[in-house]
């Protein structure tokens, strides 16, 4: 068995480490933007004011339905980004 040796160039390690991190950050930002766009589309299409319904009227049914829908859309977005 050969002994483990340290890499000779530190740039190789840095080059491999920043690309996955950058792609993760970019995809996370894209996912958040798409979820915000989804919330806006729900407000427009269903003519709802989600903020008023959830905070002022304290509508727990709408909150649960919207949360479930957001989770479903997040799973779809994550699956699309991964593939």
PDB file of N, CA and C in Angstrom:
ATOM      1  N   UNK A   1       0.838  -1.178   0.000  1.00  0.00           N
ATOM      2  CA  UNK A   1       0.000   0.000   0.000  1.00  0.00           C
ATOM      3  C   UNK A   1       0.879   1.236   0.000  1.00  0.00           C
ATOM      4  N   UNK A   2       0.466   2.211  -0.770  1.00  0.00           N
ATOM      5  CA  UNK A   2       1.214   3.467  -0.812  1.00  0.00           C
ATOM      6  C   UNK A   2       0.711   4.398   0.274  1.00  0.00           C
ATOM      7  N   UNK A   3       1.598   5.185   0.869  1.00  0.00           N
ATOM      8  CA  UNK A   3       1.148   6.152   1.875  1.00  0.00           C
ATOM      9  C   UNK A   3       0.388   7.294   1.214  1.00  0.00           C
ATOM     10  N   UNK A   4      -0.525   7.877   1.955  1.00  0.00           N
ATOM     11  CA  UNK A   4      -1.273   9.024   1.454  1.00  0.00           C
ATOM     12  C   UNK A   4      -0.357  10.226   1.378  1.00  0.00           C
ATOM     13  N   UNK A   5      -0.458  10.962   0.302  1.00  0.00           N
ATOM     14  CA  UNK A   5       0.354  12.169   0.144  1.00  0.00           C
ATOM     15  C   UNK A   5      -0.556  13.359  -0.055  1.00  0.00           C
ATOM     16  N   UNK A   6      -0.081  14.494   0.367  1.00  0.00           N
ATOM     17  CA  UNK A   6      -0.844  15.732   0.201  1.00  0.00           C
ATOM     18  C   UNK A   6      -0.757  16.181  -1.246  1.00  0.00           C
ATOM     19  N   UNK A   7      -1.790  16.819  -1.777  1.00  0.00           N
ATOM     20  CA  UNK A   7      -1.723  17.328  -3.142  1.00  0.00           C
ATOM     21  C   UNK A   7      -0.623  18.373  -3.270  1.00  0.00           C
ATOM     22  N   UNK A   8      -0.013  18.401  -4.433  1.00  0.00           N
ATOM     23  CA  UNK A   8       1.096  19.329  -4.637  1.00  0.00           C
ATOM     24  C   UNK A   8       0.620  20.734  -4.938  1.00  0.00           C
ATOM     25  N   UNK A   9      -0.553  20.876  -5.481  1.00  0.00           N
ATOM     26  CA  UNK A   9      -1.056  22.206  -5.816  1.00  0.00           C
ATOM     27  C   UNK A   9      -2.320  22.476  -5.009  1.00  0.00           C
ATOM     28  N   UNK A  10      -2.307  23.567  -4.261  1.00  0.00           N
ATOM     29  CA  UNK A  10      -3.486  23.902  -3.463  1.00  0.00           C
ATOM     30  C   UNK A  10      -4.633  24.405  -4.338  1.00  0.00           C
ATOM     31  N   UNK A  11      -4.333  24.849  -5.537  1.00  0.00           N
ATOM     32  CA  UNK A  11      -5.383  25.331  -6.438  1.00  0.00           C
ATOM     33  C   UNK A  11      -6.316  24.197  -6.851  1.00  0.00           C
ATOM     34  N   UNK A  12      -5.781  22.965  -6.914  1.00  0.00           N
ATOM     35  CA  UNK A  12      -6.641  21.831  -7.265  1.00  0.00           C
ATOM     36  C   UNK A  12      -7.739  21.639  -6.229  1.00  0.00           C
ATOM     37  N   UNK A  13      -7.380  21.748  -4.973  1.00  0.00           N
ATOM     38  CA  UNK A  13      -8.373  21.577  -3.915  1.00  0.00           C
ATOM     39  C   UNK A  13      -9.395  22.707  -3.973  1.00  0.00           C
ATOM     40  N   UNK A  14      -8.924  23.940  -4.102  1.00  0.00           N
ATOM     41  CA  UNK A  14      -9.839  25.082  -4.151  1.00  0.00           C
ATOM     42  C   UNK A  14     -10.711  25.021  -5.394  1.00  0.00           C
ATOM     43  N   UNK A  15     -10.163  24.579  -6.506  1.00  0.00           N
ATOM     44  CA  UNK A  15     -10.934  24.490  -7.742  1.00  0.00           C
ATOM     45  C   UNK A  15     -12.057  23.479  -7.649  1.00  0.00           C
ATOM     46  N   UNK A  16     -11.845  22.418  -6.910  1.00  0.00           N
ATOM     47  CA  UNK A  16     -12.884  21.409  -6.760  1.00  0.00           C
ATOM     48  C   UNK A  16     -13.921  21.806  -5.715  1.00  0.00           C
ATOM     49  N   UNK A  17     -13.535  22.635  -4.766  1.00  0.00           N
ATOM     50  CA  UNK A  17     -14.433  22.948  -3.665  1.00  0.00           C
ATOM     51  C   UNK A  17     -15.412  24.071  -3.986  1.00  0.00           C
ATOM     52  N   UNK A  18     -15.019  25.026  -4.801  1.00  0.00           N
ATOM     53  CA  UNK A  18     -15.898  26.181  -4.986  1.00  0.00           C
ATOM     54  C   UNK A  18     -16.999  25.916  -5.997  1.00  0.00           C
ATOM     55  N   UNK A  19     -16.801  25.036  -6.946  1.00  0.00           N
ATOM     56  CA  UNK A  19     -17.827  24.803  -7.966  1.00  0.00           C
ATOM     57  C   UNK A  19     -19.106  24.186  -7.398  1.00  0.00           C
ATOM     58  N   UNK A  20     -19.036  23.141  -6.583  1.00  0.00           N
ATOM     59  CA  UNK A  20     -20.285  22.625  -6.006  1.00  0.00           C
ATOM     60  C   UNK A  20     -20.962  23.633  -5.083  1.00  0.00           C
ATOM     61  N   UNK A  21     -20.157  24.386  -4.352  1.00  0.00           N
ATOM     62  CA  UNK A  21     -20.722  25.392  -3.457  1.00  0.00           C
ATOM     63  C   UNK A  21     -21.440  26.476  -4.252  1.00  0.00           C
ATOM     64  N   UNK A  22     -20.814  26.941  -5.312  1.00  0.00           N
ATOM     65  CA  UNK A  22     -21.424  27.970  -6.153  1.00  0.00           C
ATOM     66  C   UNK A  22     -22.702  27.459  -6.808  1.00  0.00           C
ATOM     67  N   UNK A  23     -22.675  26.249  -7.320  1.00  0.00           N
ATOM     68  CA  UNK A  23     -23.882  25.719  -7.963  1.00  0.00           C
ATOM     69  C   UNK A  23     -25.006  25.525  -6.945  1.00  0.00           C
ATOM     70  N   UNK A  24     -24.666  25.132  -5.725  1.00  0.00           N
ATOM     71  CA  UNK A  24     -25.682  24.993  -4.686  1.00  0.00           C
ATOM     72  C   UNK A  24     -26.329  26.330  -4.367  1.00  0.00           C
ATOM     73  N   UNK A  25     -25.512  27.368  -4.237  1.00  0.00           N
ATOM     74  CA  UNK A  25     -26.040  28.702  -3.934  1.00  0.00           C
ATOM     75  C   UNK A  25     -26.912  29.204  -5.082  1.00  0.00           C
ATOM     76  N   UNK A  26     -26.454  29.023  -6.306  1.00  0.00           N
ATOM     77  CA  UNK A  26     -27.220  29.488  -7.471  1.00  0.00           C
ATOM     78  C   UNK A  26     -28.562  28.765  -7.552  1.00  0.00           C
ATOM     79  N   UNK A  27     -28.553  27.443  -7.383  1.00  0.00           N
ATOM     80  CA  UNK A  27     -29.804  26.694  -7.448  1.00  0.00           C
ATOM     81  C   UNK A  27     -30.732  27.041  -6.288  1.00  0.00           C
ATOM     82  N   UNK A  28     -30.178  27.325  -5.115  1.00  0.00           N
ATOM     83  CA  UNK A  28     -31.007  27.733  -3.979  1.00  0.00           C
ATOM     84  C   UNK A  28     -31.688  29.067  -4.266  1.00  0.00           C
ATOM     85  N   UNK A  29     -30.946  30.005  -4.840  1.00  0.00           N
ATOM     86  CA  UNK A  29     -31.527  31.312  -5.184  1.00  0.00           C
ATOM     87  C   UNK A  29     -32.610  31.144  -6.244  1.00  0.00           C
ATOM     88  N   UNK A  30     -32.343  30.315  -7.235  1.00  0.00           N
ATOM     89  CA  UNK A  30     -33.344  30.066  -8.280  1.00  0.00           C
ATOM     90  C   UNK A  30     -34.605  29.449  -7.664  1.00  0.00           C
ATOM     91  N   UNK A  31     -34.436  28.499  -6.754  1.00  0.00           N
ATOM     92  CA  UNK A  31     -35.582  27.876  -6.097  1.00  0.00           C
ATOM     93  C   UNK A  31     -36.402  28.864  -5.287  1.00  0.00           C
ATOM     94  N   UNK A  32     -35.728  29.746  -4.537  1.00  0.00           N
ATOM     95  CA  UNK A  32     -36.440  30.747  -3.735  1.00  0.00           C
ATOM     96  C   UNK A  32     -37.192  31.716  -4.641  1.00  0.00           C
ATOM     97  N   UNK A  33     -36.560  32.138  -5.727  1.00  0.00           N
ATOM     98  CA  UNK A  33     -37.217  33.059  -6.665  1.00  0.00           C
ATOM     99  C   UNK A  33     -38.446  32.391  -7.283  1.00  0.00           C
ATOM    100  N   UNK A  34     -38.321  31.128  -7.656  1.00  0.00           N
ATOM    101  CA  UNK A  34     -39.472  30.427  -8.229  1.00  0.00           C
ATOM    102  C   UNK A  34     -40.602  30.270  -7.215  1.00  0.00           C
ATOM    103  N   UNK A  35     -40.271  30.016  -5.952  1.00  0.00           N
ATOM    104  CA  UNK A  35     -41.319  29.915  -4.933  1.00  0.00           C
ATOM    105  C   UNK A  35     -41.995  31.259  -4.692  1.00  0.00           C
ATOM    106  N   UNK A  36     -41.231  32.346  -4.722  1.00  0.00           N
ATOM    107  CA  UNK A  36     -41.829  33.678  -4.576  1.00  0.00           C
ATOM    108  C   UNK A  36     -42.730  33.987  -5.767  1.00  0.00           C
ATOM    109  N   UNK A  37     -42.296  33.602  -6.960  1.00  0.00           N
ATOM    110  CA  UNK A  37     -43.111  33.782  -8.159  1.00  0.00           C
ATOM    111  C   UNK A  37     -44.405  32.977  -8.043  1.00  0.00           C
ATOM    112  N   UNK A  38     -44.309  31.768  -7.509  1.00  0.00           N
ATOM    113  CA  UNK A  38     -45.495  30.939  -7.311  1.00  0.00           C
ATOM    114  C   UNK A  38     -46.489  31.616  -6.369  1.00  0.00           C
ATOM    115  N   UNK A  39     -46.000  32.179  -5.264  1.00  0.00           N
ATOM    116  CA  UNK A  39     -46.894  32.861  -4.317  1.00  0.00           C
ATOM    117  C   UNK A  39     -47.583  34.043  -4.982  1.00  0.00           C
ATOM    118  N   UNK A  40     -46.860  34.771  -5.806  1.00  0.00           N
ATOM    119  CA  UNK A  40     -47.456  35.909  -6.515  1.00  0.00           C
ATOM    120  C   UNK A  40     -48.525  35.423  -7.496  1.00  0.00           C
ATOM    121  N   UNK A  41     -48.235  34.342  -8.218  1.00  0.00           N
ATOM    122  CA  UNK A  41     -49.200  33.800  -9.180  1.00  0.00           C
ATOM    123  C   UNK A  41     -50.469  33.342  -8.459  1.00  0.00           C
ATOM    124  N   UNK A  42     -50.327  32.720  -7.298  1.00  0.00           N
ATOM    125  CA  UNK A  42     -51.503  32.292  -6.527  1.00  0.00           C
ATOM    126  C   UNK A  42     -52.342  33.502  -6.140  1.00  0.00           C
ATOM    127  N   UNK A  43     -51.696  34.577  -5.704  1.00  0.00           N
ATOM    128  CA  UNK A  43     -52.431  35.796  -5.344  1.00  0.00           C
ATOM    129  C   UNK A  43     -53.208  36.347  -6.533  1.00  0.00           C
ATOM    130  N   UNK A  44     -52.592  36.347  -7.704  1.00  0.00           N
ATOM    131  CA  UNK A  44     -53.221  36.933  -8.892  1.00  0.00           C
ATOM    132  C   UNK A  44     -54.323  36.022  -9.437  1.00  0.00           C
ATOM    133  N   UNK A  45     -54.027  34.749  -9.587  1.00  0.00           N
ATOM    134  CA  UNK A  45     -54.978  33.833 -10.219  1.00  0.00           C
ATOM    135  C   UNK A  45     -56.228  33.652  -9.358  1.00  0.00           C
ATOM    136  N   UNK A  46     -56.055  33.454  -8.062  1.00  0.00           N
ATOM    137  CA  UNK A  46     -57.196  33.202  -7.188  1.00  0.00           C
ATOM    138  C   UNK A  46     -57.746  34.466  -6.545  1.00  0.00           C
ATOM    139  N   UNK A  47     -57.192  35.607  -6.920  1.00  0.00           N
ATOM    140  CA  UNK A  47     -57.628  36.910  -6.397  1.00  0.00           C
ATOM    141  C   UNK A  47     -57.670  36.902  -4.861  1.00  0.00           C
ATOM    142  N   UNK A  48     -56.585  36.407  -4.277  1.00  0.00           N
ATOM    143  CA  UNK A  48     -56.457  36.341  -2.824  1.00  0.00           C
ATOM    144  C   UNK A  48     -55.417  37.342  -2.353  1.00  0.00           C
ATOM    145  N   UNK A  49     -55.569  37.774  -1.124  1.00  0.00           N
ATOM    146  CA  UNK A  49     -54.506  38.506  -0.447  1.00  0.00           C
ATOM    147  C   UNK A  49     -54.032  37.578   0.665  1.00  0.00           C
ATOM    148  N   UNK A  50     -53.018  36.764   0.347  1.00  0.00           N
ATOM    149  CA  UNK A  50     -52.569  35.746   1.288  1.00  0.00           C
ATOM    150  C   UNK A  50     -52.148  36.345   2.620  1.00  0.00           C
ATOM    151  N   UNK A  51     -51.490  37.491   2.581  1.00  0.00           N
ATOM    152  CA  UNK A  51     -51.043  38.128   3.820  1.00  0.00           C
ATOM    153  C   UNK A  51     -52.239  38.475   4.715  1.00  0.00           C
ATOM    154  N   UNK A  52     -53.274  39.068   4.117  1.00  0.00           N
ATOM    155  CA  UNK A  52     -54.457  39.431   4.906  1.00  0.00           C
ATOM    156  C   UNK A  52     -55.161  38.185   5.424  1.00  0.00           C
ATOM    157  N   UNK A  53     -55.320  37.190   4.555  1.00  0.00           N
ATOM    158  CA  UNK A  53     -56.011  35.958   4.955  1.00  0.00           C
ATOM    159  C   UNK A  53     -55.287  35.248   6.094  1.00  0.00           C
ATOM    160  N   UNK A  54     -53.958  35.203   6.029  1.00  0.00           N
ATOM    161  CA  UNK A  54     -53.207  34.454   7.032  1.00  0.00           C
ATOM    162  C   UNK A  54     -52.992  35.229   8.323  1.00  0.00           C
ATOM    163  N   UNK A  55     -52.717  36.533   8.226  1.00  0.00           N
ATOM    164  CA  UNK A  55     -52.369  37.310   9.415  1.00  0.00           C
ATOM    165  C   UNK A  55     -53.596  37.941  10.055  1.00  0.00           C
ATOM    166  N   UNK A  56     -54.377  38.673   9.284  1.00  0.00           N
ATOM    167  CA  UNK A  56     -55.516  39.387   9.867  1.00  0.00           C
ATOM    168  C   UNK A  56     -56.697  38.459  10.137  1.00  0.00           C
ATOM    169  N   UNK A  57     -57.075  37.667   9.135  1.00  0.00           N
ATOM    170  CA  UNK A  57     -58.229  36.780   9.300  1.00  0.00           C
ATOM    171  C   UNK A  57     -57.864  35.484  10.023  1.00  0.00           C
ATOM    172  N   UNK A  58     -56.592  35.186  10.140  1.00  0.00           N
ATOM    173  CA  UNK A  58     -56.082  33.979  10.796  1.00  0.00           C
ATOM    174  C   UNK A  58     -56.801  32.727  10.297  1.00  0.00           C
ATOM    175  N   UNK A  59     -56.700  32.509   9.003  1.00  0.00           N
ATOM    176  CA  UNK A  59     -57.351  31.391   8.349  1.00  0.00           C
ATOM    177  C   UNK A  59     -56.393  30.193   8.332  1.00  0.00           C
ATOM    178  N   UNK A  60     -56.519  29.261   9.289  1.00  0.00           N
ATOM    179  CA  UNK A  60     -55.566  28.149   9.340  1.00  0.00           C
ATOM    180  C   UNK A  60     -55.722  27.169   8.180  1.00  0.00           C
ATOM    181  N   UNK A  61     -56.929  27.037   7.658  1.00  0.00           N
ATOM    182  CA  UNK A  61     -57.134  26.134   6.531  1.00  0.00           C
ATOM    183  C   UNK A  61     -56.368  26.586   5.303  1.00  0.00           C
ATOM    184  N   UNK A  62     -56.443  27.876   5.015  1.00  0.00           N
ATOM    185  CA  UNK A  62     -55.698  28.409   3.881  1.00  0.00           C
ATOM    186  C   UNK A  62     -54.200  28.288   4.127  1.00  0.00           C
ATOM    187  N   UNK A  63     -53.778  28.502   5.367  1.00  0.00           N
ATOM    188  CA  UNK A  63     -52.358  28.375   5.695  1.00  0.00           C
ATOM    189  C   UNK A  63     -51.844  26.971   5.452  1.00  0.00           C
ATOM    190  N   UNK A  64     -52.608  25.968   5.878  1.00  0.00           N
ATOM    191  CA  UNK A  64     -52.194  24.581   5.664  1.00  0.00           C
ATOM    192  C   UNK A  64     -52.219  24.207   4.184  1.00  0.00           C
ATOM    193  N   UNK A  65     -53.244  24.647   3.473  1.00  0.00           N
ATOM    194  CA  UNK A  65     -53.328  24.348   2.047  1.00  0.00           C
ATOM    195  C   UNK A  65     -52.182  24.997   1.282  1.00  0.00           C
ATOM    196  N   UNK A  66     -51.879  26.245   1.619  1.00  0.00           N
ATOM    197  CA  UNK A  66     -50.792  26.947   0.937  1.00  0.00           C
ATOM    198  C   UNK A  66     -49.446  26.316   1.286  1.00  0.00           C
ATOM    199  N   UNK A  67     -49.256  25.931   2.552  1.00  0.00           N
ATOM    200  CA  UNK A  67     -47.999  25.290   2.957  1.00  0.00           C
ATOM    201  C   UNK A  67     -47.797  23.967   2.223  1.00  0.00           C
ATOM    202  N   UNK A  68     -48.845  23.178   2.109  1.00  0.00           N
ATOM    203  CA  UNK A  68     -48.743  21.921   1.374  1.00  0.00           C
ATOM    204  C   UNK A  68     -48.426  22.132  -0.089  1.00  0.00           C
ATOM    205  N   UNK A  69     -49.044  23.147  -0.674  1.00  0.00           N
ATOM    206  CA  UNK A  69     -48.783  23.451  -2.074  1.00  0.00           C
ATOM    207  C   UNK A  69     -47.353  23.931  -2.268  1.00  0.00           C
ATOM    208  N   UNK A  70     -46.862  24.760  -1.350  1.00  0.00           N
ATOM    209  CA  UNK A  70     -45.481  25.248  -1.448  1.00  0.00           C
ATOM    210  C   UNK A  70     -44.499  24.088  -1.319  1.00  0.00           C
ATOM    211  N   UNK A  71     -44.761  23.161  -0.412  1.00  0.00           N
ATOM    212  CA  UNK A  71     -43.884  21.994  -0.268  1.00  0.00           C
ATOM    213  C   UNK A  71     -43.894  21.158  -1.542  1.00  0.00           C
ATOM    214  N   UNK A  72     -45.071  20.969  -2.132  1.00  0.00           N
ATOM    215  CA  UNK A  72     -45.158  20.203  -3.378  1.00  0.00           C
ATOM    216  C   UNK A  72     -44.401  20.889  -4.506  1.00  0.00           C
ATOM    217  N   UNK A  73     -44.562  22.202  -4.638  1.00  0.00           N
ATOM    218  CA  UNK A  73     -43.847  22.940  -5.678  1.00  0.00           C
ATOM    219  C   UNK A  73     -42.345  22.888  -5.418  1.00  0.00           C
ATOM    220  N   UNK A  74     -41.932  22.966  -4.142  1.00  0.00           N
ATOM    221  CA  UNK A  74     -40.508  22.894  -3.807  1.00  0.00           C
ATOM    222  C   UNK A  74     -39.919  21.542  -4.196  1.00  0.00           C
ATOM    223  N   UNK A  75     -40.668  20.472  -3.987  1.00  0.00           N
ATOM    224  CA  UNK A  75     -40.193  19.144  -4.383  1.00  0.00           C
ATOM    225  C   UNK A  75     -40.065  19.057  -5.899  1.00  0.00           C
ATOM    226  N   UNK A  76     -41.020  19.616  -6.620  1.00  0.00           N
ATOM    227  CA  UNK A  76     -40.959  19.611  -8.084  1.00  0.00           C
ATOM    228  C   UNK A  76     -39.765  20.417  -8.571  1.00  0.00           C
ATOM    229  N   UNK A  77     -39.541  21.596  -7.991  1.00  0.00           N
ATOM    230  CA  UNK A  77     -38.407  22.435  -8.386  1.00  0.00           C
ATOM    231  C   UNK A  77     -37.096  21.719  -8.084  1.00  0.00           C
ATOM    232  N   UNK A  78     -36.993  21.107  -6.899  1.00  0.00           N
ATOM    233  CA  UNK A  78     -35.765  20.392  -6.531  1.00  0.00           C
ATOM    234  C   UNK A  78     -35.508  19.232  -7.485  1.00  0.00           C
ATOM    235  N   UNK A  79     -36.550  18.497  -7.822  1.00  0.00           N
ATOM    236  CA  UNK A  79     -36.390  17.398  -8.767  1.00  0.00           C
ATOM    237  C   UNK A  79     -35.970  17.871 -10.144  1.00  0.00           C
ATOM    238  N   UNK A  80     -36.497  18.994 -10.567  1.00  0.00           N
ATOM    239  CA  UNK A  80     -36.129  19.546 -11.869  1.00  0.00           C
ATOM    240  C   UNK A  80     -34.687  20.024 -11.871  1.00  0.00           C
ATOM    241  N   UNK A  81     -34.268  20.679 -10.799  1.00  0.00           N
ATOM    242  CA  UNK A  81     -32.902  21.192 -10.721  1.00  0.00           C
ATOM    243  C   UNK A  81     -31.900  20.045 -10.660  1.00  0.00           C
ATOM    244  N   UNK A  82     -32.224  18.985  -9.940  1.00  0.00           N
ATOM    245  CA  UNK A  82     -31.297  17.861  -9.801  1.00  0.00           C
ATOM    246  C   UNK A  82     -31.121  17.127 -11.123  1.00  0.00           C
ATOM    247  N   UNK A  83     -32.186  17.002 -11.903  1.00  0.00           N
ATOM    248  CA  UNK A  83     -32.093  16.219 -13.142  1.00  0.00           C
ATOM    249  C   UNK A  83     -31.468  16.946 -14.283  1.00  0.00           C
TER     250      UNK A  83
END
